[in-house]
């Protein structure tokens, strides 16, 4: 992050990905709030985490409001539930006026549908498949070379 006011980021889901993102964003100076339904999930955050923790269900608009999704610069939906991530991102932008929202989507066939609905997505399955294909192509070119 460079100069100016800190980014206001809400992270929904405090699994491995959500906790890592929250920690790194907080360390870089962003104002971070993490939401999860399981209080034990917050144990993944390091003691140095400088943000806030909200225990609650992100399908409830009041929980998203408490997590400062209203008017946030970015809302990151990182749960393992594609449908929940879709709901959170749409609610954050359309209802709460977040500037941007990105949903993690595991099912590649849903990615284009979500994008057609105006939802920014990151699909770990597609990203991993691309990385594996790149490695196979690299091995083939070394074998041929």
N, C-alpha and C. Protein backbone atom coordinates (compact mmCIF):
# COMPACT_ATOMS: atom_id res chain seq x y z
N UNK A 1 0.84 -1.18 0.00
CA UNK A 1 0.00 0.00 0.00
C UNK A 1 0.88 1.24 0.00
N UNK A 2 0.50 2.23 -0.74
CA UNK A 2 1.29 3.46 -0.79
C UNK A 2 0.45 4.63 -0.35
N UNK A 3 1.02 5.51 0.48
CA UNK A 3 0.42 6.78 0.90
C UNK A 3 -1.09 6.82 0.98
N UNK A 4 -1.63 7.93 1.47
CA UNK A 4 -3.07 8.13 1.54
C UNK A 4 -3.71 7.38 2.69
N UNK A 5 -5.03 7.45 2.72
CA UNK A 5 -5.79 6.78 3.77
C UNK A 5 -5.69 5.27 3.59
N UNK A 6 -5.73 4.52 4.69
CA UNK A 6 -5.67 3.06 4.56
C UNK A 6 -6.91 2.52 3.87
N UNK A 7 -6.72 1.45 3.11
CA UNK A 7 -7.86 0.78 2.49
C UNK A 7 -8.70 0.12 3.57
N UNK A 8 -10.02 0.23 3.41
CA UNK A 8 -10.94 -0.43 4.33
C UNK A 8 -11.38 -1.74 3.67
N UNK A 9 -10.95 -2.86 4.27
CA UNK A 9 -11.17 -4.18 3.69
C UNK A 9 -11.92 -5.06 4.66
N UNK A 10 -12.98 -5.71 4.17
CA UNK A 10 -13.70 -6.71 4.94
C UNK A 10 -13.41 -8.06 4.32
N UNK A 11 -12.97 -9.00 5.14
CA UNK A 11 -12.68 -10.36 4.69
C UNK A 11 -13.71 -11.29 5.31
N UNK A 12 -14.47 -11.98 4.48
CA UNK A 12 -15.48 -12.92 4.97
C UNK A 12 -14.90 -14.33 4.83
N UNK A 13 -14.74 -14.98 5.96
CA UNK A 13 -14.14 -16.31 6.01
C UNK A 13 -12.74 -16.21 6.59
N UNK A 14 -12.52 -16.88 7.70
CA UNK A 14 -11.20 -16.85 8.35
C UNK A 14 -10.56 -18.23 8.32
N UNK A 15 -10.68 -18.88 7.15
CA UNK A 15 -9.96 -20.13 6.94
C UNK A 15 -8.51 -19.79 6.61
N UNK A 16 -7.82 -20.72 6.00
CA UNK A 16 -6.40 -20.48 5.68
C UNK A 16 -6.23 -19.26 4.79
N UNK A 17 -7.05 -19.16 3.73
CA UNK A 17 -6.92 -18.04 2.81
C UNK A 17 -7.32 -16.72 3.47
N UNK A 18 -8.48 -16.70 4.08
CA UNK A 18 -8.96 -15.47 4.71
C UNK A 18 -8.02 -14.95 5.78
N UNK A 19 -7.51 -15.86 6.61
CA UNK A 19 -6.57 -15.46 7.67
C UNK A 19 -5.28 -14.92 7.08
N UNK A 20 -4.77 -15.56 6.04
CA UNK A 20 -3.54 -15.09 5.40
C UNK A 20 -3.73 -13.71 4.77
N UNK A 21 -4.84 -13.55 4.06
CA UNK A 21 -5.13 -12.24 3.47
C UNK A 21 -5.28 -11.16 4.53
N UNK A 22 -6.04 -11.47 5.58
CA UNK A 22 -6.27 -10.48 6.65
C UNK A 22 -4.95 -10.07 7.29
N UNK A 23 -4.11 -11.03 7.57
CA UNK A 23 -2.82 -10.74 8.21
C UNK A 23 -1.95 -9.88 7.29
N UNK A 24 -1.84 -10.26 6.04
CA UNK A 24 -0.98 -9.52 5.11
C UNK A 24 -1.52 -8.12 4.83
N UNK A 25 -2.81 -8.00 4.66
CA UNK A 25 -3.40 -6.68 4.41
C UNK A 25 -3.25 -5.78 5.63
N UNK A 26 -3.46 -6.34 6.81
CA UNK A 26 -3.30 -5.57 8.04
C UNK A 26 -1.85 -5.10 8.19
N UNK A 27 -0.92 -6.01 7.92
CA UNK A 27 0.50 -5.68 8.04
C UNK A 27 0.90 -4.58 7.05
N UNK A 28 0.22 -4.55 5.89
CA UNK A 28 0.56 -3.54 4.88
C UNK A 28 -0.12 -2.19 5.15
N UNK A 29 -0.92 -2.13 6.22
CA UNK A 29 -1.52 -0.86 6.61
C UNK A 29 -3.00 -0.71 6.33
N UNK A 30 -3.62 -1.73 5.77
CA UNK A 30 -5.06 -1.66 5.51
C UNK A 30 -5.83 -1.80 6.83
N UNK A 31 -7.03 -1.22 6.86
CA UNK A 31 -7.95 -1.33 7.98
C UNK A 31 -8.82 -2.56 7.70
N UNK A 32 -8.57 -3.66 8.42
CA UNK A 32 -9.16 -4.96 8.09
C UNK A 32 -10.13 -5.43 9.17
N UNK A 33 -11.27 -5.95 8.71
CA UNK A 33 -12.23 -6.63 9.58
C UNK A 33 -12.46 -8.02 8.99
N UNK A 34 -12.39 -9.04 9.84
CA UNK A 34 -12.59 -10.43 9.41
C UNK A 34 -13.88 -10.96 10.03
N UNK A 35 -14.67 -11.66 9.22
CA UNK A 35 -15.93 -12.25 9.67
C UNK A 35 -15.86 -13.76 9.53
N UNK A 36 -16.32 -14.47 10.55
CA UNK A 36 -16.45 -15.92 10.45
C UNK A 36 -17.52 -16.36 11.45
N UNK A 37 -18.17 -17.48 11.13
CA UNK A 37 -19.20 -18.01 12.03
C UNK A 37 -18.59 -18.78 13.19
N UNK A 38 -17.35 -19.21 13.05
CA UNK A 38 -16.70 -20.05 14.05
C UNK A 38 -15.65 -19.25 14.81
N UNK A 39 -15.85 -19.02 16.10
CA UNK A 39 -14.88 -18.25 16.87
C UNK A 39 -13.48 -18.87 16.85
N UNK A 40 -13.40 -20.19 16.74
CA UNK A 40 -12.10 -20.86 16.71
C UNK A 40 -11.31 -20.51 15.45
N UNK A 41 -12.00 -20.10 14.40
CA UNK A 41 -11.30 -19.74 13.15
C UNK A 41 -10.34 -18.58 13.35
N UNK A 42 -10.68 -17.70 14.28
CA UNK A 42 -9.83 -16.53 14.51
C UNK A 42 -8.48 -16.90 15.12
N UNK A 43 -8.35 -18.13 15.59
CA UNK A 43 -7.06 -18.60 16.11
C UNK A 43 -6.02 -18.70 14.99
N UNK A 44 -6.47 -18.71 13.75
CA UNK A 44 -5.54 -18.74 12.61
C UNK A 44 -4.83 -17.40 12.44
N UNK A 45 -5.40 -16.35 12.99
CA UNK A 45 -4.78 -15.03 12.89
C UNK A 45 -3.62 -14.93 13.87
N UNK A 46 -2.51 -14.36 13.44
CA UNK A 46 -1.37 -14.24 14.35
C UNK A 46 -1.64 -13.18 15.42
N UNK A 47 -0.93 -13.25 16.53
CA UNK A 47 -1.11 -12.24 17.59
C UNK A 47 -0.86 -10.82 17.08
N UNK A 48 -0.06 -10.69 16.04
CA UNK A 48 0.26 -9.37 15.51
C UNK A 48 -0.86 -8.77 14.66
N UNK A 49 -1.93 -9.55 14.38
CA UNK A 49 -3.03 -9.04 13.55
C UNK A 49 -3.62 -7.79 14.19
N UNK A 50 -3.65 -6.70 13.43
CA UNK A 50 -4.10 -5.43 13.97
C UNK A 50 -5.52 -5.07 13.63
N UNK A 51 -6.27 -5.99 13.04
CA UNK A 51 -7.64 -5.68 12.64
C UNK A 51 -8.66 -6.13 13.66
N UNK A 52 -9.90 -6.22 13.20
CA UNK A 52 -11.02 -6.59 14.06
C UNK A 52 -11.58 -7.93 13.64
N UNK A 53 -12.20 -8.62 14.58
CA UNK A 53 -12.83 -9.92 14.35
C UNK A 53 -14.33 -9.79 14.67
N UNK A 54 -15.15 -10.28 13.75
CA UNK A 54 -16.60 -10.30 13.98
C UNK A 54 -17.06 -11.74 13.84
N UNK A 55 -17.63 -12.28 14.90
CA UNK A 55 -18.18 -13.63 14.84
C UNK A 55 -19.66 -13.49 14.46
N UNK A 56 -20.01 -14.03 13.30
CA UNK A 56 -21.38 -13.93 12.84
C UNK A 56 -21.53 -14.51 11.45
N UNK A 57 -22.77 -14.61 11.02
CA UNK A 57 -23.08 -15.17 9.71
C UNK A 57 -23.20 -14.04 8.69
N UNK A 58 -22.36 -14.07 7.69
CA UNK A 58 -22.29 -12.98 6.71
C UNK A 58 -23.50 -12.91 5.78
N UNK A 59 -24.43 -13.86 5.87
CA UNK A 59 -25.66 -13.71 5.09
C UNK A 59 -26.60 -12.71 5.75
N UNK A 60 -26.28 -12.31 6.97
CA UNK A 60 -27.07 -11.30 7.66
C UNK A 60 -26.46 -9.92 7.38
N UNK A 61 -27.26 -9.06 6.80
CA UNK A 61 -26.78 -7.72 6.43
C UNK A 61 -26.24 -6.98 7.65
N UNK A 62 -26.86 -7.16 8.81
CA UNK A 62 -26.37 -6.49 10.01
C UNK A 62 -24.96 -6.94 10.38
N UNK A 63 -24.65 -8.20 10.14
CA UNK A 63 -23.30 -8.70 10.40
C UNK A 63 -22.32 -8.03 9.43
N UNK A 64 -22.69 -7.92 8.18
CA UNK A 64 -21.82 -7.24 7.21
C UNK A 64 -21.64 -5.76 7.57
N UNK A 65 -22.70 -5.14 8.07
CA UNK A 65 -22.58 -3.74 8.51
C UNK A 65 -21.60 -3.62 9.69
N UNK A 66 -21.74 -4.51 10.67
CA UNK A 66 -20.81 -4.49 11.81
C UNK A 66 -19.38 -4.73 11.37
N UNK A 67 -19.23 -5.48 10.28
CA UNK A 67 -17.90 -5.77 9.74
C UNK A 67 -17.40 -4.66 8.82
N UNK A 68 -18.11 -3.57 8.80
CA UNK A 68 -17.74 -2.38 8.02
C UNK A 68 -17.71 -2.61 6.51
N UNK A 69 -18.56 -3.53 6.03
CA UNK A 69 -18.66 -3.74 4.60
C UNK A 69 -19.35 -2.56 3.93
N UNK A 70 -20.17 -1.85 4.69
CA UNK A 70 -20.89 -0.70 4.15
C UNK A 70 -19.88 0.38 3.78
N UNK A 71 -19.77 0.66 2.49
CA UNK A 71 -18.83 1.67 2.02
C UNK A 71 -17.37 1.23 2.03
N UNK A 72 -17.11 -0.07 2.24
CA UNK A 72 -15.73 -0.56 2.26
C UNK A 72 -15.08 -0.35 0.89
N UNK A 73 -13.78 -0.22 0.89
CA UNK A 73 -13.06 -0.16 -0.38
C UNK A 73 -13.08 -1.51 -1.07
N UNK A 74 -13.03 -2.59 -0.27
CA UNK A 74 -12.98 -3.93 -0.84
C UNK A 74 -13.58 -4.93 0.14
N UNK A 75 -14.39 -5.83 -0.39
CA UNK A 75 -14.92 -6.95 0.38
C UNK A 75 -14.43 -8.22 -0.31
N UNK A 76 -13.78 -9.08 0.45
CA UNK A 76 -13.24 -10.32 -0.09
C UNK A 76 -14.00 -11.49 0.53
N UNK A 77 -14.72 -12.24 -0.29
CA UNK A 77 -15.49 -13.39 0.18
C UNK A 77 -14.66 -14.64 -0.09
N UNK A 78 -14.10 -15.22 0.99
CA UNK A 78 -13.12 -16.29 0.84
C UNK A 78 -13.57 -17.62 1.43
N UNK A 79 -14.85 -17.78 1.69
CA UNK A 79 -15.32 -19.03 2.30
C UNK A 79 -15.23 -20.17 1.29
N UNK A 80 -15.51 -21.37 1.75
CA UNK A 80 -15.49 -22.54 0.86
C UNK A 80 -16.85 -22.75 0.18
N UNK A 81 -17.78 -21.83 0.39
CA UNK A 81 -19.14 -21.95 -0.14
C UNK A 81 -19.34 -20.93 -1.26
N UNK A 82 -19.35 -21.41 -2.49
CA UNK A 82 -19.50 -20.51 -3.65
C UNK A 82 -20.74 -19.65 -3.56
N UNK A 83 -21.87 -20.24 -3.15
CA UNK A 83 -23.12 -19.48 -3.09
C UNK A 83 -23.07 -18.39 -2.03
N UNK A 84 -22.47 -18.69 -0.89
CA UNK A 84 -22.31 -17.68 0.15
C UNK A 84 -21.42 -16.55 -0.37
N UNK A 85 -20.34 -16.89 -1.03
CA UNK A 85 -19.44 -15.87 -1.57
C UNK A 85 -20.15 -14.98 -2.59
N UNK A 86 -20.99 -15.59 -3.43
CA UNK A 86 -21.76 -14.81 -4.40
C UNK A 86 -22.70 -13.85 -3.67
N UNK A 87 -23.43 -14.36 -2.68
CA UNK A 87 -24.35 -13.52 -1.93
C UNK A 87 -23.62 -12.35 -1.27
N UNK A 88 -22.53 -12.65 -0.59
CA UNK A 88 -21.79 -11.62 0.14
C UNK A 88 -21.31 -10.52 -0.80
N UNK A 89 -20.75 -10.90 -1.93
CA UNK A 89 -20.23 -9.88 -2.84
C UNK A 89 -21.35 -9.03 -3.43
N UNK A 90 -22.45 -9.66 -3.80
CA UNK A 90 -23.56 -8.88 -4.35
C UNK A 90 -24.17 -7.97 -3.29
N UNK A 91 -24.37 -8.48 -2.08
CA UNK A 91 -24.93 -7.65 -1.01
C UNK A 91 -23.99 -6.49 -0.67
N UNK A 92 -22.70 -6.77 -0.64
CA UNK A 92 -21.74 -5.73 -0.29
C UNK A 92 -21.79 -4.57 -1.28
N UNK A 93 -21.84 -4.89 -2.56
CA UNK A 93 -21.81 -3.84 -3.58
C UNK A 93 -23.19 -3.21 -3.78
N UNK A 94 -24.21 -4.07 -3.96
CA UNK A 94 -25.54 -3.55 -4.34
C UNK A 94 -26.34 -2.99 -3.18
N UNK A 95 -26.18 -3.55 -1.99
CA UNK A 95 -26.97 -3.11 -0.84
C UNK A 95 -26.18 -2.15 0.05
N UNK A 96 -24.92 -2.48 0.28
CA UNK A 96 -24.13 -1.73 1.25
C UNK A 96 -23.18 -0.71 0.63
N UNK A 97 -23.08 -0.68 -0.68
CA UNK A 97 -22.28 0.34 -1.35
C UNK A 97 -20.78 0.17 -1.25
N UNK A 98 -20.31 -1.07 -1.07
CA UNK A 98 -18.87 -1.30 -1.11
C UNK A 98 -18.36 -0.94 -2.50
N UNK A 99 -17.14 -0.43 -2.56
CA UNK A 99 -16.58 -0.02 -3.85
C UNK A 99 -16.30 -1.21 -4.76
N UNK A 100 -15.75 -2.29 -4.18
CA UNK A 100 -15.45 -3.50 -4.95
C UNK A 100 -15.63 -4.70 -4.06
N UNK A 101 -15.89 -5.84 -4.69
CA UNK A 101 -15.98 -7.10 -3.96
C UNK A 101 -15.50 -8.22 -4.88
N UNK A 102 -14.80 -9.17 -4.29
CA UNK A 102 -14.27 -10.29 -5.05
C UNK A 102 -14.67 -11.58 -4.34
N UNK A 103 -15.18 -12.54 -5.11
CA UNK A 103 -15.62 -13.83 -4.56
C UNK A 103 -14.67 -14.94 -4.98
N UNK A 104 -14.28 -15.75 -4.01
CA UNK A 104 -13.57 -16.99 -4.35
C UNK A 104 -14.63 -17.98 -4.82
N UNK A 105 -14.38 -18.61 -5.97
CA UNK A 105 -15.32 -19.55 -6.57
C UNK A 105 -14.56 -20.83 -6.90
N UNK A 106 -14.93 -21.93 -6.28
CA UNK A 106 -14.22 -23.19 -6.52
C UNK A 106 -14.65 -23.87 -7.81
N UNK A 107 -15.91 -23.76 -8.16
CA UNK A 107 -16.45 -24.48 -9.32
C UNK A 107 -16.24 -23.65 -10.59
N UNK A 108 -15.33 -24.08 -11.48
CA UNK A 108 -15.03 -23.29 -12.68
C UNK A 108 -16.25 -22.98 -13.55
N UNK A 109 -17.23 -23.88 -13.58
CA UNK A 109 -18.40 -23.64 -14.42
C UNK A 109 -19.26 -22.49 -13.90
N UNK A 110 -19.11 -22.14 -12.64
CA UNK A 110 -19.88 -21.03 -12.06
C UNK A 110 -19.21 -19.68 -12.33
N UNK A 111 -17.93 -19.70 -12.63
CA UNK A 111 -17.17 -18.46 -12.75
C UNK A 111 -17.78 -17.51 -13.80
N UNK A 112 -18.10 -18.03 -14.98
CA UNK A 112 -18.65 -17.16 -16.03
C UNK A 112 -20.04 -16.66 -15.66
N UNK A 113 -20.83 -17.49 -14.98
CA UNK A 113 -22.16 -17.07 -14.54
C UNK A 113 -22.05 -15.92 -13.55
N UNK A 114 -21.15 -16.06 -12.59
CA UNK A 114 -20.97 -15.02 -11.58
C UNK A 114 -20.47 -13.73 -12.22
N UNK A 115 -19.56 -13.87 -13.16
CA UNK A 115 -19.05 -12.67 -13.84
C UNK A 115 -20.17 -11.99 -14.64
N UNK A 116 -21.07 -12.79 -15.23
CA UNK A 116 -22.20 -12.21 -15.96
C UNK A 116 -23.10 -11.42 -15.02
N UNK A 117 -23.10 -11.78 -13.75
CA UNK A 117 -23.87 -11.06 -12.74
C UNK A 117 -23.11 -9.85 -12.20
N UNK A 118 -21.92 -9.63 -12.74
CA UNK A 118 -21.12 -8.48 -12.33
C UNK A 118 -20.24 -8.74 -11.12
N UNK A 119 -20.02 -10.01 -10.80
CA UNK A 119 -19.21 -10.36 -9.63
C UNK A 119 -17.78 -10.68 -10.08
N UNK A 120 -16.82 -10.00 -9.47
CA UNK A 120 -15.42 -10.33 -9.71
C UNK A 120 -15.12 -11.64 -9.01
N UNK A 121 -14.41 -12.53 -9.70
CA UNK A 121 -14.13 -13.83 -9.11
C UNK A 121 -12.66 -14.20 -9.20
N UNK A 122 -12.27 -15.06 -8.29
CA UNK A 122 -10.98 -15.75 -8.36
C UNK A 122 -11.30 -17.21 -8.15
N UNK A 123 -10.88 -18.04 -9.11
CA UNK A 123 -11.17 -19.48 -9.05
C UNK A 123 -9.86 -20.24 -8.82
N UNK A 124 -9.62 -20.70 -7.58
CA UNK A 124 -8.39 -21.44 -7.31
C UNK A 124 -8.25 -22.68 -8.17
N UNK A 125 -9.35 -23.31 -8.54
CA UNK A 125 -9.31 -24.51 -9.37
C UNK A 125 -8.74 -24.18 -10.74
N UNK A 126 -9.22 -23.09 -11.34
CA UNK A 126 -8.73 -22.67 -12.65
C UNK A 126 -7.27 -22.23 -12.58
N UNK A 127 -6.94 -21.49 -11.52
CA UNK A 127 -5.55 -21.02 -11.36
C UNK A 127 -4.61 -22.21 -11.19
N UNK A 128 -4.99 -23.17 -10.36
CA UNK A 128 -4.14 -24.34 -10.15
C UNK A 128 -4.01 -25.17 -11.43
N UNK A 129 -5.11 -25.35 -12.15
CA UNK A 129 -5.06 -26.11 -13.40
C UNK A 129 -4.10 -25.44 -14.39
N UNK A 130 -4.17 -24.10 -14.47
CA UNK A 130 -3.25 -23.37 -15.35
C UNK A 130 -1.80 -23.57 -14.96
N UNK A 131 -1.52 -23.56 -13.65
CA UNK A 131 -0.15 -23.75 -13.17
C UNK A 131 0.34 -25.16 -13.51
N UNK A 132 -0.52 -26.16 -13.34
CA UNK A 132 -0.13 -27.52 -13.69
C UNK A 132 0.12 -27.65 -15.20
N UNK A 133 -0.75 -27.08 -16.01
CA UNK A 133 -0.58 -27.13 -17.47
C UNK A 133 0.74 -26.46 -17.86
N UNK A 134 1.04 -25.32 -17.24
CA UNK A 134 2.32 -24.63 -17.52
C UNK A 134 3.50 -25.53 -17.19
N UNK A 135 3.42 -26.25 -16.08
CA UNK A 135 4.52 -27.14 -15.69
C UNK A 135 4.66 -28.29 -16.69
N UNK A 136 3.53 -28.84 -17.13
CA UNK A 136 3.57 -29.91 -18.12
C UNK A 136 4.17 -29.40 -19.42
N UNK A 137 3.74 -28.21 -19.85
CA UNK A 137 4.27 -27.63 -21.08
C UNK A 137 5.77 -27.37 -20.95
N UNK A 138 6.20 -26.90 -19.77
CA UNK A 138 7.63 -26.66 -19.55
C UNK A 138 8.42 -27.95 -19.60
N UNK A 139 7.87 -29.02 -19.02
CA UNK A 139 8.56 -30.31 -19.06
C UNK A 139 8.64 -30.84 -20.49
N UNK A 140 7.57 -30.65 -21.25
CA UNK A 140 7.56 -31.12 -22.64
C UNK A 140 8.58 -30.34 -23.48
N UNK A 141 8.69 -29.04 -23.25
CA UNK A 141 9.65 -28.25 -24.04
C UNK A 141 11.09 -28.60 -23.67
N UNK A 142 11.34 -28.92 -22.42
CA UNK A 142 12.70 -29.32 -22.01
C UNK A 142 13.04 -30.69 -22.60
N UNK A 143 12.03 -31.56 -22.68
CA UNK A 143 12.23 -32.90 -23.24
C UNK A 143 12.52 -32.84 -24.73
N UNK A 144 11.79 -31.91 -25.42
CA UNK A 144 11.97 -31.74 -26.85
C UNK A 144 13.24 -30.99 -27.21
N UNK A 145 13.72 -30.17 -26.26
CA UNK A 145 14.85 -29.28 -26.52
C UNK A 145 16.13 -29.96 -26.38
